[in-house]
Protein backbone atom coordinates (compact mmCIF):
# COMPACT_ATOMS: atom_id res chain seq x y z
CA MET A 1 103.50 149.57 -18.65
CA GLY A 2 105.44 149.46 -21.74
CA ARG A 3 104.17 150.61 -24.94
CA ARG A 4 104.16 146.95 -27.36
CA ILE A 5 106.27 147.51 -31.07
CA ASP A 6 104.33 145.34 -33.55
CA ARG A 7 106.19 144.42 -35.99
CA ARG A 8 103.88 144.57 -38.56
CA ASP A 9 103.53 148.10 -38.09
CA PRO A 10 104.95 150.14 -40.74
CA HIS A 11 105.09 153.27 -38.34
CA PRO A 12 106.10 151.91 -34.59
CA THR A 13 107.88 154.97 -33.37
CA SER A 14 108.46 157.92 -35.24
CA GLY A 15 106.45 157.61 -38.68
CA LYS A 16 108.95 156.85 -40.87
CA ARG A 17 109.27 153.04 -41.79
CA LEU A 18 112.98 151.98 -41.14
CA PRO A 19 115.43 151.03 -44.41
CA GLU A 20 115.77 148.16 -45.92
CA ALA A 21 119.24 146.46 -46.56
CA ALA A 22 119.76 147.33 -49.80
CA GLU A 23 122.15 147.03 -52.89
CA ILE A 24 123.97 149.80 -54.89
CA ARG A 25 125.28 150.26 -57.54
CA ALA A 26 127.70 152.66 -59.15
CA PRO A 27 127.02 153.69 -63.09
CA PHE A 28 129.77 155.65 -64.56
CA SER A 29 128.81 157.92 -68.48
CA GLY A 30 132.03 157.99 -70.46
CA ARG A 31 131.90 158.64 -73.70
CA ILE A 32 132.47 155.81 -75.11
CA THR A 33 129.72 153.44 -73.28
CA GLU A 34 128.32 153.33 -69.77
CA ALA A 35 129.64 150.76 -67.19
CA VAL A 36 129.05 150.12 -63.35
CA VAL A 37 132.42 150.56 -61.34
CA GLY A 38 131.00 149.20 -58.27
CA GLU A 39 128.61 148.03 -56.37
CA ASN A 40 128.28 146.95 -52.32
CA ARG A 41 125.60 145.86 -49.96
CA ILE A 42 124.68 147.87 -46.60
CA GLU A 43 122.45 146.63 -43.51
CA HIS A 44 119.94 148.39 -42.09
CA ILE A 45 120.74 151.86 -40.59
CA PRO A 46 118.81 154.62 -38.50
CA GLN A 47 117.38 158.03 -40.83
CA GLY A 48 119.92 159.89 -41.32
CA SER A 49 122.97 158.13 -40.59
CA GLU A 50 125.77 158.88 -42.43
CA ILE A 51 127.65 155.89 -43.91
CA SER A 52 130.81 154.40 -45.99
CA VAL A 53 130.19 152.43 -49.09
CA LYS A 54 133.32 150.91 -50.93
CA THR A 55 132.15 150.36 -54.41
CA GLY A 56 135.92 149.69 -55.83
CA GLU A 57 139.07 149.80 -55.64
CA ALA A 58 141.12 152.63 -58.04
CA PHE A 59 143.99 150.91 -59.65
CA ASP A 60 145.49 154.61 -60.63
CA VAL A 61 145.52 155.76 -56.68
CA THR A 62 147.16 153.52 -53.81
CA VAL A 63 147.48 153.91 -49.79
CA GLN A 64 150.98 152.06 -47.70
CA PRO A 65 149.54 152.62 -44.57
CA THR A 66 152.75 151.91 -42.09
CA VAL A 67 152.72 151.12 -38.53
CA VAL A 68 156.04 152.56 -37.04
CA GLN A 69 155.67 153.13 -33.47
CA GLN A 70 153.82 152.08 -30.81
CA GLU A 71 154.51 151.78 -26.91
CA ARG A 72 152.13 151.70 -23.54
CA ALA A 73 151.67 155.69 -22.80
CA GLY A 74 149.86 154.13 -19.03
CA PHE A 75 148.49 151.08 -17.52
CA TRP A 76 144.93 152.32 -19.68
CA ARG A 77 146.68 153.76 -22.82
CA SER A 78 148.51 154.14 -25.42
CA ARG A 79 150.95 155.60 -28.10
CA TYR A 80 151.00 154.65 -31.79
CA SER A 81 152.26 157.08 -35.03
CA MET A 82 151.71 155.65 -38.47
CA GLU A 83 152.40 156.84 -42.07
CA TYR A 84 150.13 156.11 -44.94
CA LEU A 85 151.90 156.80 -48.23
CA VAL A 86 148.83 158.23 -51.25
CA ARG A 87 151.11 157.48 -54.43
CA ASN A 88 148.70 159.06 -57.36
CA ALA A 89 149.80 157.64 -61.02
CA ARG A 90 146.46 160.05 -62.43
CA SER A 91 147.72 162.38 -64.81
CA GLN A 92 145.06 165.53 -62.80
CA ALA A 93 145.92 165.57 -58.95
CA THR A 94 143.19 163.99 -56.63
CA THR A 95 141.97 164.42 -53.25
CA LEU A 96 141.86 161.26 -50.85
CA GLU A 97 139.83 160.94 -48.17
CA ILE A 98 141.86 158.93 -45.41
CA ARG A 99 139.34 157.69 -42.10
CA GLN A 100 141.46 156.27 -39.08
CA ALA A 101 138.23 154.88 -36.99
CA GLY A 102 138.67 153.00 -33.70
CA LEU A 103 140.19 155.40 -31.55
CA TRP A 104 138.22 156.13 -27.38
CA ARG A 105 136.76 158.79 -26.56
CA GLU A 106 140.08 159.46 -24.57
CA GLY A 107 142.31 158.96 -27.98
CA LYS A 108 144.37 162.18 -28.61
CA VAL A 109 146.04 164.05 -31.42
CA LEU A 110 150.40 164.37 -30.69
CA GLU A 111 151.50 165.04 -34.37
CA GLU A 112 150.11 165.60 -37.49
CA SER A 113 151.65 166.02 -41.01
CA ILE A 114 148.07 167.47 -42.09
CA LYS A 115 145.73 168.85 -39.94
CA SER A 116 142.68 166.15 -39.21
CA THR A 117 138.57 166.38 -38.26
CA ARG A 118 136.46 164.23 -36.11
CA PRO A 119 132.86 163.06 -38.04
CA ASP A 120 132.71 161.27 -34.54
CA ALA A 121 134.17 160.70 -31.03
CA TYR A 122 136.25 157.35 -32.73
CA THR A 123 137.30 158.47 -35.87
CA LEU A 124 139.78 161.10 -37.27
CA GLN A 125 139.47 161.89 -41.54
CA TRP A 126 141.79 163.95 -43.23
CA SER A 127 141.92 164.58 -47.06
CA VAL A 128 144.97 164.37 -48.31
CA PRO A 129 146.17 165.89 -51.97
CA VAL A 130 148.25 164.29 -54.33
CA ALA A 131 149.67 165.64 -57.45
CA ALA A 132 149.64 164.79 -60.59
CA ASN A 133 152.32 161.47 -60.86
CA GLY A 134 153.22 162.68 -57.42
CA GLU A 135 152.57 160.59 -53.85
CA THR A 136 151.91 162.07 -50.29
CA LYS A 137 152.50 160.65 -46.86
CA LEU A 138 150.28 161.51 -43.97
CA ALA A 139 152.11 160.66 -40.71
CA PHE A 140 150.27 161.30 -37.10
CA THR A 141 151.45 160.81 -33.88
CA VAL A 142 148.19 159.29 -32.11
CA GLU A 143 147.58 158.58 -27.97
CA THR A 144 144.33 156.69 -27.17
CA GLY A 145 142.89 155.11 -23.72
CA TRP A 146 140.21 154.44 -22.12
């Protein structure tokens, strides 16, 4: 016989209440005034999960993604090459984190201009350094399938 869980019980299984959906505000304190640079909403997530929250868009750092080539590499496999051109109009250098999600477990990197990491089985992540008033091109080729 299974355990019945009462939704009114704040500690049904782990002894901890599930996180509520919430709005997040990102404050900025400048020399002149304080302002909210952005806000977003997150839905219910398991405790300890990593989340990514978009709070706004920078006008001085831009990313231009391009699919260079896409082809079948087998009956259930695909190969594609992509480029991300990152431009920085700021007067200081910056590093931008780029994540490419949507890979299958069997996805593998064939080539890449900057070494990636894999935060999970379905995502690639790069830290892309960009010089002040400069640009950096991230290029990679991936083969994926199931």
